[in-house]
Amino acid sequence: MSDNIYQHIGQHMKMRRIAGKNNSGRLITQSELAQACNVTFQQIQKYEKGNNKIPIDKLLKVAKYLNTPVLDFIPAAEYTAVEQYTQEQLNESQQ
């Protein structure tokens, strides 16, 4: 898994944020998302640019706030790998 995944996640995070609406019907700002995730708006900027790796707990908060399934942030190729790994683990546990 390369650092490009974090750029992909950041781009999708920004797209979802811009496409979303807050409770007042306005666009969701980086500051609003940051507050929901308990980070600074500068940190949200870094996540969106792919400069910083977003921890899974923060990604889960982002997904929840943006009302988006967390797997929507994961590239299809990586999602397939996760699916395959999960299936292998299930198969092993059933043996």
Protein backbone atom coordinates (compact mmCIF):
# COMPACT_ATOMS: atom_id res chain seq x y z
CA MET A 1 0.00 0.00 0.00
CA SER A 2 1.59 3.26 -1.08
CA ASP A 3 1.25 6.80 0.21
CA ASN A 4 -0.93 7.44 -2.85
CA ILE A 5 -3.79 5.86 -0.94
CA TYR A 6 -3.68 8.84 1.44
CA GLN A 7 -3.89 11.25 -1.49
CA HIS A 8 -6.87 9.27 -2.79
CA ILE A 9 -8.55 9.34 0.62
CA GLY A 10 -7.86 13.08 0.95
CA GLN A 11 -9.29 13.87 -2.48
CA HIS A 12 -12.43 11.89 -1.76
CA MET A 13 -12.70 13.46 1.66
CA LYS A 14 -12.62 16.93 0.10
CA MET A 15 -15.12 15.98 -2.61
CA ARG A 16 -17.54 14.57 -0.02
CA ARG A 17 -17.11 17.61 2.24
CA ILE A 18 -17.77 20.05 -0.59
CA ALA A 19 -20.76 18.02 -1.82
CA GLY A 20 -22.23 17.80 1.69
CA LYS A 21 -24.39 20.25 3.58
CA ASN A 22 -24.35 21.12 7.27
CA ASN A 23 -27.48 21.43 9.41
CA SER A 24 -28.00 25.00 8.14
CA GLY A 25 -27.92 23.86 4.52
CA ARG A 26 -24.53 25.47 3.87
CA LEU A 27 -21.42 23.77 2.55
CA ILE A 28 -19.38 21.96 5.17
CA THR A 29 -16.20 23.88 5.97
CA GLN A 30 -12.86 22.43 6.95
CA SER A 31 -13.36 24.04 10.36
CA GLU A 32 -16.70 22.28 10.89
CA LEU A 33 -15.24 18.93 9.87
CA ALA A 34 -12.20 19.57 12.07
CA GLN A 35 -14.41 20.29 15.07
CA ALA A 36 -16.36 17.08 14.49
CA CYS A 37 -13.08 15.13 14.35
CA ASN A 38 -11.44 16.96 17.25
CA VAL A 39 -8.52 18.23 15.13
CA THR A 40 -7.55 21.62 13.69
CA PHE A 41 -8.72 22.83 10.30
CA GLN A 42 -5.04 22.81 9.30
CA GLN A 43 -4.98 19.07 9.98
CA ILE A 44 -8.04 18.61 7.75
CA GLN A 45 -6.17 20.53 5.04
CA LYS A 46 -3.21 18.17 5.40
CA TYR A 47 -5.47 15.12 5.21
CA GLU A 48 -7.23 16.46 2.12
CA LYS A 49 -3.91 17.13 0.37
CA GLY A 50 -2.58 13.71 1.35
CA ASN A 51 0.32 15.33 3.22
CA ASN A 52 -0.54 13.54 6.45
CA LYS A 53 -1.78 9.99 6.90
CA ILE A 54 -5.24 9.98 8.43
CA PRO A 55 -5.60 7.59 11.35
CA ILE A 56 -8.48 5.13 11.09
CA ASP A 57 -10.29 6.62 14.09
CA LYS A 58 -10.29 10.03 12.40
CA LEU A 59 -11.37 8.53 9.08
CA LEU A 60 -14.30 6.88 10.84
CA LYS A 61 -15.30 10.25 12.33
CA VAL A 62 -15.00 11.93 8.91
CA ALA A 63 -17.16 9.24 7.32
CA LYS A 64 -19.78 9.53 10.04
CA TYR A 65 -19.90 13.34 9.87
CA LEU A 66 -20.10 13.31 6.08
CA ASN A 67 -22.68 10.49 6.20
CA THR A 68 -20.54 8.37 3.90
CA PRO A 69 -19.57 4.69 4.24
CA VAL A 70 -15.91 4.53 5.24
CA LEU A 71 -15.12 2.13 2.39
CA ASP A 72 -16.11 4.84 -0.09
CA PHE A 73 -12.77 6.50 0.73
CA ILE A 74 -10.75 3.38 -0.15
CA PRO A 75 -9.58 2.86 -3.75
CA ALA A 76 -11.23 -0.10 -5.50
CA ALA A 77 -7.94 -2.02 -5.82
CA GLU A 78 -7.30 -1.72 -2.08
CA TYR A 79 -10.90 -2.59 -1.25
CA THR A 80 -10.54 -5.84 -3.20
CA ALA A 81 -7.40 -6.66 -1.21
CA VAL A 82 -9.24 -5.98 2.07
CA GLU A 83 -12.16 -8.12 0.95
CA GLN A 84 -9.83 -10.97 -0.02
CA TYR A 85 -7.92 -10.78 3.27
CA THR A 86 -11.19 -10.79 5.23
CA GLN A 87 -12.44 -13.83 3.33
CA GLU A 88 -9.15 -15.66 3.98
CA GLN A 89 -9.45 -14.92 7.69
CA LEU A 90 -13.02 -16.19 7.75
CA ASN A 91 -12.01 -19.37 5.94
CA GLU A 92 -9.17 -20.01 8.40
CA SER A 93 -11.41 -19.48 11.41
CA GLN A 94 -13.95 -21.98 10.05
CA GLN A 95 -11.37 -24.75 9.66
